[in-house]
Amino acid sequence: MTMLAAVSKRPDETIVLESEGYPPIEVDLRDLKV
């Protein structure tokens, strides 16, 4: 039972995740507090 991901680097400090069946997620890597 597996997860598959297609990935590229971004020039900024943001993670953008598009996962099938779920809303998109953005995380700013300049804010890493809990």
Full PDB file with SEQRES, HELIX, SHEET, SSBOND, CRYST1, ORIGX, SCALE, CONECT and MASTER records, all heavy atoms in Angstrom:
SEQRES   1 A   34  MET THR MET LEU ALA ALA VAL SER LYS ARG PRO ASP GLU          
SEQRES   2 A   34  THR ILE VAL LEU GLU SER GLU GLY TYR PRO PRO ILE GLU          
SEQRES   3 A   34  VAL ASP LEU ARG ASP LEU LYS VAL                              
SHEET    1 AA1 2 THR A  14  LEU A  17  0                                        
SHEET    2 AA1 2 ILE A  25  ASP A  28 -1                                        
CRYST1    1.000    1.000    1.000  90.00  90.00  90.00 P 1           1          
ORIGX1      1.000000  0.000000  0.000000        0.00000                         
ORIGX2      0.000000  1.000000  0.000000        0.00000                         
ORIGX3      0.000000  0.000000  1.000000        0.00000                         
SCALE1      1.000000  0.000000  0.000000        0.00000                         
SCALE2      0.000000  1.000000  0.000000        0.00000                         
SCALE3      0.000000  0.000000  1.000000        0.00000                         
ATOM      1  N   MET A   1       0.884  -1.162   0.000  1.00  0.00           N  
ATOM      2  CA  MET A   1       0.000   0.000   0.000  1.00  0.00           C  
ATOM      3  C   MET A   1       0.919   1.208   0.000  1.00  0.00           C  
ATOM      4  O   MET A   1       1.785   1.328   0.880  1.00  0.00           O  
ATOM      5  CB  MET A   1      -0.917  -0.008   1.221  1.00  0.00           C  
ATOM      6  CG  MET A   1      -1.884  -1.172   1.250  1.00  0.00           C  
ATOM      7  SD  MET A   1      -2.816  -1.307   2.821  1.00  0.00           S  
ATOM      8  CE  MET A   1      -3.928   0.095   2.686  1.00  0.00           C  
ATOM      9  N   THR A   2       0.786   2.100  -0.977  1.00  0.00           N  
ATOM     10  CA  THR A   2       1.846   3.070  -1.213  1.00  0.00           C  
ATOM     11  C   THR A   2       1.342   4.498  -1.402  1.00  0.00           C  
ATOM     12  O   THR A   2       0.192   4.738  -1.762  1.00  0.00           O  
ATOM     13  CB  THR A   2       2.655   2.699  -2.470  1.00  0.00           C  
ATOM     14  OG1 THR A   2       1.768   2.642  -3.601  1.00  0.00           O  
ATOM     15  CG2 THR A   2       3.346   1.362  -2.295  1.00  0.00           C  
ATOM     16  N   MET A   3       2.251   5.439  -1.149  1.00  0.00           N  
ATOM     17  CA  MET A   3       2.108   6.837  -1.537  1.00  0.00           C  
ATOM     18  C   MET A   3       3.089   7.113  -2.665  1.00  0.00           C  
ATOM     19  O   MET A   3       4.241   6.674  -2.603  1.00  0.00           O  
ATOM     20  CB  MET A   3       2.425   7.766  -0.372  1.00  0.00           C  
ATOM     21  CG  MET A   3       1.401   7.765   0.729  1.00  0.00           C  
ATOM     22  SD  MET A   3       1.841   8.952   2.026  1.00  0.00           S  
ATOM     23  CE  MET A   3       0.405   8.788   3.093  1.00  0.00           C  
ATOM     24  N   LEU A   4       2.631   7.825  -3.676  1.00  0.00           N  
ATOM     25  CA  LEU A   4       3.490   8.253  -4.774  1.00  0.00           C  
ATOM     26  C   LEU A   4       3.497   9.775  -4.838  1.00  0.00           C  
ATOM     27  O   LEU A   4       2.465  10.421  -4.616  1.00  0.00           O  
ATOM     28  CB  LEU A   4       2.999   7.701  -6.111  1.00  0.00           C  
ATOM     29  CG  LEU A   4       3.006   6.185  -6.298  1.00  0.00           C  
ATOM     30  CD1 LEU A   4       2.463   5.826  -7.679  1.00  0.00           C  
ATOM     31  CD2 LEU A   4       4.408   5.610  -6.123  1.00  0.00           C  
ATOM     32  N   ALA A   5       4.650  10.327  -5.156  1.00  0.00           N  
ATOM     33  CA  ALA A   5       4.766  11.781  -5.251  1.00  0.00           C  
ATOM     34  C   ALA A   5       5.586  12.170  -6.476  1.00  0.00           C  
ATOM     35  O   ALA A   5       6.596  11.537  -6.793  1.00  0.00           O  
ATOM     36  CB  ALA A   5       5.423  12.355  -3.995  1.00  0.00           C  
ATOM     37  N   ALA A   6       5.127  13.209  -7.172  1.00  0.00           N  
ATOM     38  CA  ALA A   6       5.906  13.877  -8.216  1.00  0.00           C  
ATOM     39  C   ALA A   6       6.358  15.213  -7.641  1.00  0.00           C  
ATOM     40  O   ALA A   6       5.558  15.934  -7.041  1.00  0.00           O  
ATOM     41  CB  ALA A   6       5.054  14.081  -9.467  1.00  0.00           C  
ATOM     42  N   VAL A   7       7.628  15.557  -7.839  1.00  0.00           N  
ATOM     43  CA  VAL A   7       8.217  16.683  -7.089  1.00  0.00           C  
ATOM     44  C   VAL A   7       9.172  17.494  -7.950  1.00  0.00           C  
ATOM     45  O   VAL A   7       9.882  16.942  -8.793  1.00  0.00           O  
ATOM     46  CB  VAL A   7       9.004  16.165  -5.858  1.00  0.00           C  
ATOM     47  CG1 VAL A   7       9.431  17.321  -4.973  1.00  0.00           C  
ATOM     48  CG2 VAL A   7       8.198  15.158  -5.068  1.00  0.00           C  
ATOM     49  N   SER A   8       9.184  18.800  -7.689  1.00  0.00           N  
ATOM     50  CA  SER A   8      10.228  19.683  -8.196  1.00  0.00           C  
ATOM     51  C   SER A   8      10.568  20.708  -7.125  1.00  0.00           C  
ATOM     52  O   SER A   8       9.741  21.026  -6.270  1.00  0.00           O  
ATOM     53  CB  SER A   8       9.775  20.415  -9.466  1.00  0.00           C  
ATOM     54  OG  SER A   8       9.820  19.567 -10.586  1.00  0.00           O  
ATOM     55  N   LYS A   9      11.792  21.225  -7.217  1.00  0.00           N  
ATOM     56  CA  LYS A   9      12.176  22.334  -6.338  1.00  0.00           C  
ATOM     57  C   LYS A   9      11.421  23.602  -6.719  1.00  0.00           C  
ATOM     58  O   LYS A   9      11.050  23.801  -7.873  1.00  0.00           O  
ATOM     59  CB  LYS A   9      13.674  22.608  -6.453  1.00  0.00           C  
ATOM     60  CG  LYS A   9      14.582  21.564  -5.838  1.00  0.00           C  
ATOM     61  CD  LYS A   9      16.032  22.035  -5.981  1.00  0.00           C  
ATOM     62  CE  LYS A   9      17.005  21.082  -5.338  1.00  0.00           C  
ATOM     63  NZ  LYS A   9      18.408  21.565  -5.483  1.00  0.00           N  
ATOM     64  N   ARG A  10      11.204  24.466  -5.716  1.00  0.00           N  
ATOM     65  CA  ARG A  10      10.695  25.816  -5.929  1.00  0.00           C  
ATOM     66  C   ARG A  10      11.801  26.811  -5.587  1.00  0.00           C  
ATOM     67  O   ARG A  10      12.639  26.540  -4.720  1.00  0.00           O  
ATOM     68  CB  ARG A  10       9.496  26.101  -5.013  1.00  0.00           C  
ATOM     69  CG  ARG A  10       8.210  25.412  -5.375  1.00  0.00           C  
ATOM     70  CD  ARG A  10       7.145  25.733  -4.334  1.00  0.00           C  
ATOM     71  NE  ARG A  10       6.865  27.156  -4.261  1.00  0.00           N  
ATOM     72  CZ  ARG A  10       5.847  27.753  -4.894  1.00  0.00           C  
ATOM     73  NH1 ARG A  10       5.031  27.037  -5.649  1.00  0.00           N  
ATOM     74  NH2 ARG A  10       5.652  29.057  -4.771  1.00  0.00           N  
ATOM     75  N   PRO A  11      11.787  27.991  -6.226  1.00  0.00           N  
ATOM     76  CA  PRO A  11      12.824  28.980  -5.906  1.00  0.00           C  
ATOM     77  C   PRO A  11      12.576  29.727  -4.609  1.00  0.00           C  
ATOM     78  O   PRO A  11      13.482  30.395  -4.104  1.00  0.00           O  
ATOM     79  CB  PRO A  11      12.765  29.938  -7.108  1.00  0.00           C  
ATOM     80  CG  PRO A  11      11.350  29.837  -7.597  1.00  0.00           C  
ATOM     81  CD  PRO A  11      10.948  28.408  -7.365  1.00  0.00           C  
ATOM     82  N   ASP A  12      11.349  29.639  -4.069  1.00  0.00           N  
ATOM     83  CA  ASP A  12      11.064  30.330  -2.819  1.00  0.00           C  
ATOM     84  C   ASP A  12      11.055  29.335  -1.661  1.00  0.00           C  
ATOM     85  O   ASP A  12      11.370  28.162  -1.833  1.00  0.00           O  
ATOM     86  CB  ASP A  12       9.724  31.082  -2.897  1.00  0.00           C  
ATOM     87  CG  ASP A  12       8.555  30.144  -3.196  1.00  0.00           C  
ATOM     88  OD1 ASP A  12       8.737  28.908  -3.169  1.00  0.00           O  
ATOM     89  OD2 ASP A  12       7.447  30.657  -3.470  1.00  0.00           O  
ATOM     90  N   GLU A  13      10.688  29.806  -0.481  1.00  0.00           N  
ATOM     91  CA  GLU A  13      10.710  28.951   0.709  1.00  0.00           C  
ATOM     92  C   GLU A  13       9.296  28.494   1.060  1.00  0.00           C  
ATOM     93  O   GLU A  13       8.810  28.704   2.169  1.00  0.00           O  
ATOM     94  CB  GLU A  13      11.335  29.714   1.870  1.00  0.00           C  
ATOM     95  CG  GLU A  13      12.804  30.048   1.655  1.00  0.00           C  
ATOM     96  CD  GLU A  13      13.407  30.779   2.840  1.00  0.00           C  
ATOM     97  OE1 GLU A  13      13.789  30.093   3.812  1.00  0.00           O  
ATOM     98  OE2 GLU A  13      13.488  32.015   2.786  1.00  0.00           O  
ATOM     99  N   THR A  14       8.666  27.830   0.098  1.00  0.00           N  
ATOM    100  CA  THR A  14       7.289  27.376   0.275  1.00  0.00           C  
ATOM    101  C   THR A  14       7.159  25.928  -0.165  1.00  0.00           C  
ATOM    102  O   THR A  14       7.750  25.528  -1.168  1.00  0.00           O  
ATOM    103  CB  THR A  14       6.310  28.243  -0.548  1.00  0.00           C  
ATOM    104  OG1 THR A  14       6.496  29.608  -0.205  1.00  0.00           O  
ATOM    105  CG2 THR A  14       4.864  27.844  -0.281  1.00  0.00           C  
ATOM    106  N   ILE A  15       6.408  25.156   0.615  1.00  0.00           N  
ATOM    107  CA  ILE A  15       6.007  23.811   0.198  1.00  0.00           C  
ATOM    108  C   ILE A  15       4.566  23.906  -0.291  1.00  0.00           C  
ATOM    109  O   ILE A  15       3.672  24.341   0.445  1.00  0.00           O  
ATOM    110  CB  ILE A  15       6.075  22.803   1.358  1.00  0.00           C  
ATOM    111  CG1 ILE A  15       7.453  22.802   2.008  1.00  0.00           C  
ATOM    112  CG2 ILE A  15       5.683  21.406   0.874  1.00  0.00           C  
ATOM    113  CD1 ILE A  15       8.550  22.225   1.178  1.00  0.00           C  
ATOM    114  N   VAL A  16       4.327  23.499  -1.526  1.00  0.00           N  
ATOM    115  CA  VAL A  16       2.973  23.436  -2.081  1.00  0.00           C  
ATOM    116  C   VAL A  16       2.658  21.975  -2.373  1.00  0.00           C  
ATOM    117  O   VAL A  16       3.361  21.328  -3.159  1.00  0.00           O  
ATOM    118  CB  VAL A  16       2.842  24.284  -3.360  1.00  0.00           C  
ATOM    119  CG1 VAL A  16       1.423  24.161  -3.941  1.00  0.00           C  
ATOM    120  CG2 VAL A  16       3.159  25.745  -3.062  1.00  0.00           C  
ATOM    121  N   LEU A  17       1.626  21.459  -1.715  1.00  0.00           N  
ATOM    122  CA  LEU A  17       1.245  20.053  -1.856  1.00  0.00           C  
ATOM    123  C   LEU A  17      -0.159  19.955  -2.428  1.00  0.00           C  
ATOM    124  O   LEU A  17      -1.115  20.497  -1.864  1.00  0.00           O  
ATOM    125  CB  LEU A  17       1.304  19.351  -0.497  1.00  0.00           C  
ATOM    126  CG  LEU A  17       0.731  17.921  -0.445  1.00  0.00           C  
ATOM    127  CD1 LEU A  17       1.551  16.978  -1.323  1.00  0.00           C  
ATOM    128  CD2 LEU A  17       0.686  17.408   0.996  1.00  0.00           C  
ATOM    129  N   GLU A  18      -0.277  19.247  -3.549  1.00  0.00           N  
ATOM    130  CA  GLU A  18      -1.572  18.929  -4.146  1.00  0.00           C  
ATOM    131  C   GLU A  18      -1.729  17.414  -4.068  1.00  0.00           C  
ATOM    132  O   GLU A  18      -1.055  16.673  -4.772  1.00  0.00           O  
ATOM    133  CB  GLU A  18      -1.619  19.385  -5.609  1.00  0.00           C  
ATOM    134  CG  GLU A  18      -1.476  20.884  -5.812  1.00  0.00           C  
ATOM    135  CD  GLU A  18      -2.811  21.602  -5.774  1.00  0.00           C  
ATOM    136  OE1 GLU A  18      -3.852  20.921  -5.748  1.00  0.00           O  
ATOM    137  OE2 GLU A  18      -2.802  22.853  -5.778  1.00  0.00           O  
ATOM    138  N   SER A  19      -2.620  16.962  -3.189  1.00  0.00           N  
ATOM    139  CA  SER A  19      -2.843  15.533  -3.001  1.00  0.00           C  
ATOM    140  C   SER A  19      -4.241  15.178  -3.469  1.00  0.00           C  
ATOM    141  O   SER A  19      -5.218  15.833  -3.075  1.00  0.00           O  
ATOM    142  CB  SER A  19      -2.680  15.168  -1.521  1.00  0.00           C  
ATOM    143  OG  SER A  19      -2.793  13.779  -1.330  1.00  0.00           O  
ATOM    144  N   GLU A  20      -4.336  14.158  -4.317  1.00  0.00           N  
ATOM    145  CA  GLU A  20      -5.620  13.791  -4.895  1.00  0.00           C  
ATOM    146  C   GLU A  20      -6.665  13.529  -3.807  1.00  0.00           C  
ATOM    147  O   GLU A  20      -6.434  12.761  -2.880  1.00  0.00           O  
ATOM    148  CB  GLU A  20      -5.470  12.532  -5.763  1.00  0.00           C  
ATOM    149  CG  GLU A  20      -4.741  12.780  -7.070  1.00  0.00           C  
ATOM    150  CD  GLU A  20      -4.757  11.547  -7.967  1.00  0.00           C  
ATOM    151  OE1 GLU A  20      -5.851  11.113  -8.355  1.00  0.00           O  
ATOM    152  OE2 GLU A  20      -3.661  11.023  -8.252  1.00  0.00           O  
ATOM    153  N   GLY A  21      -7.802  14.207  -3.942  1.00  0.00           N  
ATOM    154  CA  GLY A  21      -8.895  14.019  -3.003  1.00  0.00           C  
ATOM    155  C   GLY A  21      -8.869  14.939  -1.801  1.00  0.00           C  
ATOM    156  O   GLY A  21      -9.752  14.847  -0.940  1.00  0.00           O  
ATOM    157  N   TYR A  22      -7.859  15.831  -1.725  1.00  0.00           N  
ATOM    158  CA  TYR A  22      -7.724  16.711  -0.565  1.00  0.00           C  
ATOM    159  C   TYR A  22      -7.482  18.147  -1.027  1.00  0.00           C  
ATOM    160  O   TYR A  22      -6.954  18.380  -2.116  1.00  0.00           O  
ATOM    161  CB  TYR A  22      -6.569  16.260   0.331  1.00  0.00           C  
ATOM    162  CG  TYR A  22      -6.761  14.883   0.914  1.00  0.00           C  
ATOM    163  CD1 TYR A  22      -6.270  13.754   0.269  1.00  0.00           C  
ATOM    164  CD2 TYR A  22      -7.453  14.712   2.109  1.00  0.00           C  
ATOM    165  CE1 TYR A  22      -6.462  12.486   0.801  1.00  0.00           C  
ATOM    166  CE2 TYR A  22      -7.635  13.447   2.645  1.00  0.00           C  
ATOM    167  CZ  TYR A  22      -7.144  12.338   1.984  1.00  0.00           C  
ATOM    168  OH  TYR A  22      -7.332  11.085   2.509  1.00  0.00           O  
ATOM    169  N   PRO A  23      -7.827  19.134  -0.179  1.00  0.00           N  
ATOM    170  CA  PRO A  23      -7.538  20.526  -0.521  1.00  0.00           C  
ATOM    171  C   PRO A  23      -6.030  20.761  -0.607  1.00  0.00           C  
ATOM    172  O   PRO A  23      -5.250  20.089   0.075  1.00  0.00           O  
ATOM    173  CB  PRO A  23      -8.142  21.323   0.643  1.00  0.00           C  
ATOM    174  CG  PRO A  23      -9.082  20.383   1.328  1.00  0.00           C  
ATOM    175  CD  PRO A  23      -8.542  19.011   1.113  1.00  0.00           C  
ATOM    176  N   PRO A  24      -5.597  21.709  -1.436  1.00  0.00           N  
ATOM    177  CA  PRO A  24      -4.156  22.013  -1.513  1.00  0.00           C  
ATOM    178  C   PRO A  24      -3.639  22.585  -0.200  1.00  0.00           C  
ATOM    179  O   PRO A  24      -4.378  23.187   0.578  1.00  0.00           O  
ATOM    180  CB  PRO A  24      -4.077  23.048  -2.648  1.00  0.00           C  
ATOM    181  CG  PRO A  24      -5.450  23.620  -2.750  1.00  0.00           C  
ATOM    182  CD  PRO A  24      -6.398  22.543  -2.347  1.00  0.00           C  
ATOM    183  N   ILE A  25      -2.354  22.370   0.037  1.00  0.00           N  
ATOM    184  CA  ILE A  25      -1.705  22.825   1.269  1.00  0.00           C  
ATOM    185  C   ILE A  25      -0.488  23.655   0.899  1.00  0.00           C  
ATOM    186  O   ILE A  25       0.289  23.285  -0.003  1.00  0.00           O  
ATOM    187  CB  ILE A  25      -1.266  21.630   2.142  1.00  0.00           C  
ATOM    188  CG1 ILE A  25      -2.487  20.855   2.646  1.00  0.00           C  
ATOM    189  CG2 ILE A  25      -0.404  22.086   3.317  1.00  0.00           C  
ATOM    190  CD1 ILE A  25      -2.136  19.554   3.320  1.00  0.00           C  
ATOM    191  N   GLU A  26      -0.299  24.792   1.584  1.00  0.00           N  
ATOM    192  CA  GLU A  26       0.920  25.585   1.461  1.00  0.00           C  
ATOM    193  C   GLU A  26       1.518  25.785   2.844  1.00  0.00           C  
ATOM    194  O   GLU A  26       0.803  26.130   3.788  1.00  0.00           O  
ATOM    195  CB  GLU A  26       0.634  26.949   0.814  1.00  0.00           C  
ATOM    196  CG  GLU A  26       0.329  26.870  -0.663  1.00  0.00           C  
ATOM    197  CD  GLU A  26       0.394  28.227  -1.348  1.00  0.00           C  
ATOM    198  OE1 GLU A  26       0.984  29.168  -0.742  1.00  0.00           O  
ATOM    199  OE2 GLU A  26      -0.133  28.350  -2.465  1.00  0.00           O  
ATOM    200  N   VAL A  27       2.819  25.586   2.943  1.00  0.00           N  
ATOM    201  CA  VAL A  27       3.536  25.804   4.200  1.00  0.00           C  
ATOM    202  C   VAL A  27       4.725  26.709   3.926  1.00  0.00           C  
ATOM    203  O   VAL A  27       5.549  26.422   3.050  1.00  0.00           O  
ATOM    204  CB  VAL A  27       4.002  24.468   4.817  1.00  0.00           C  
ATOM    205  CG1 VAL A  27       4.894  24.726   6.026  1.00  0.00           C  
ATOM    206  CG2 VAL A  27       2.807  23.610   5.207  1.00  0.00           C  
ATOM    207  N   ASP A  28       4.803  27.800   4.675  1.00  0.00           N  
ATOM    208  CA  ASP A  28       5.899  28.760   4.561  1.00  0.00           C  
ATOM    209  C   ASP A  28       7.052  28.289   5.448  1.00  0.00           C  
ATOM    210  O   ASP A  28       6.922  28.212   6.676  1.00  0.00           O  
ATOM    211  CB  ASP A  28       5.408  30.140   5.002  1.00  0.00           C  
ATOM    212  CG  ASP A  28       6.438  31.246   4.766  1.00  0.00           C  
ATOM    213  OD1 ASP A  28       7.628  30.925   4.589  1.00  0.00           O  
ATOM    214  OD2 ASP A  28       6.037  32.414   4.781  1.00  0.00           O  
ATOM    215  N   LEU A  29       8.189  27.962   4.844  1.00  0.00           N  
ATOM    216  CA  LEU A  29       9.327  27.440   5.595  1.00  0.00           C  
ATOM    217  C   LEU A  29      10.026  28.508   6.431  1.00  0.00           C  
ATOM    218  O   LEU A  29      10.931  28.178   7.203  1.00  0.00           O  
ATOM    219  CB  LEU A  29      10.334  26.796   4.635  1.00  0.00           C  
ATOM    220  CG  LEU A  29       9.821  25.568   3.866  1.00  0.00           C  
ATOM    221  CD1 LEU A  29      10.908  25.032   2.943  1.00  0.00           C  
ATOM    222  CD2 LEU A  29       9.344  24.489   4.815  1.00  0.00           C  
ATOM    223  N   ARG A  30       9.598  29.763   6.303  1.00  0.00           N  
ATOM    224  CA  ARG A  30      10.141  30.806   7.182  1.00  0.00           C  
ATOM    225  C   ARG A  30       9.452  30.801   8.542  1.00  0.00           C  
ATOM    226  O   ARG A  30       9.906  31.476   9.473  1.00  0.00           O  
ATOM    227  CB  ARG A  30       9.983  32.171   6.515  1.00  0.00           C  
ATOM    228  CG  ARG A  30      10.836  32.341   5.252  1.00  0.00           C  
ATOM    229  CD  ARG A  30      10.453  33.587   4.500  1.00  0.00           C  
ATOM    230  NE  ARG A  30       9.061  33.530   4.046  1.00  0.00           N  
ATOM    231  CZ  ARG A  30       8.457  34.485   3.346  1.00  0.00           C  
ATOM    232  NH1 ARG A  30       9.135  35.596   3.026  1.00  0.00           N  
ATOM    233  NH2 ARG A  30       7.198  34.360   2.975  1.00  0.00           N  
ATOM    234  N   ASP A  31       8.382  30.016   8.660  1.00  0.00           N  
ATOM    235  CA  ASP A  31       7.652  29.882   9.925  1.00  0.00           C  
ATOM    236  C   ASP A  31       7.625  28.414  10.315  1.00  0.00           C  
ATOM    237  O   ASP A  31       6.797  27.646   9.840  1.00  0.00           O  
ATOM    238  CB  ASP A  31       6.226  30.423   9.768  1.00  0.00           C  
ATOM    239  CG  ASP A  31       5.365  30.175  11.005  1.00  0.00           C  
ATOM    240  OD1 ASP A  31       5.948  29.874  12.076  1.00  0.00           O  
ATOM    241  OD2 ASP A  31       4.130  30.274  10.900  1.00  0.00           O  
ATOM    242  N   LEU A  32       8.553  28.017  11.164  1.00  0.00           N  
ATOM    243  CA  LEU A  32       8.670  26.605  11.543  1.00  0.00           C  
ATOM    244  C   LEU A  32       8.366  26.370  13.023  1.00  0.00           C  
ATOM    245  O   LEU A  32       8.742  25.343  13.574  1.00  0.00           O  
ATOM    246  CB  LEU A  32      10.067  26.076  11.190  1.00  0.00           C  
ATOM    247  CG  LEU A  32      10.397  26.051   9.700  1.00  0.00           C  
ATOM    248  CD1 LEU A  32      11.789  25.471   9.466  1.00  0.00           C  
ATOM    249  CD2 LEU A  32       9.358  25.253   8.915  1.00  0.00           C  
ATOM    250  N   LYS A  33       7.674  27.301  13.643  1.00  0.00           N  
ATOM    251  CA  LYS A  33       7.262  27.061  15.031  1.00  0.00           C  
ATOM    252  C   LYS A  33       6.071  26.093  15.039  1.00  0.00           C  
ATOM    253  O   LYS A  33       5.402  25.869  14.032  1.00  0.00           O  
ATOM    254  CB  LYS A  33       6.879  28.367  15.712  1.00  0.00           C  
ATOM    255  CG  LYS A  33       5.663  29.070  15.150  1.00  0.00           C  
ATOM    256  CD  LYS A  33       5.377  30.342  15.931  1.00  0.00           C  
ATOM    257  CE  LYS A  33       4.140  31.066  15.407  1.00  0.00           C  
ATOM    258  NZ  LYS A  33       4.326  31.587  14.039  1.00  0.00           N  
ATOM    259  N   VAL A  34       5.824  25.494  16.196  1.00  0.00           N  
ATOM    260  CA  VAL A  34       4.699  24.578  16.359  1.00  0.00           C  
ATOM    261  C   VAL A  34       3.392  25.364  16.267  1.00  0.00           C  
ATOM    262  O   VAL A  34       3.222  26.392  16.919  1.00  0.00           O  
ATOM    263  CB  VAL A  34       4.763  23.838  17.711  1.00  0.00           C  
ATOM    264  CG1 VAL A  34       3.529  22.972  17.906  1.00  0.00           C  
ATOM    265  CG2 VAL A  34       6.034  22.994  17.794  1.00  0.00           C  
TER     266      VAL A  34                                                      
MASTER        0    0    0    0    2    0    0    6  265    1    0    3          
END                                                                             
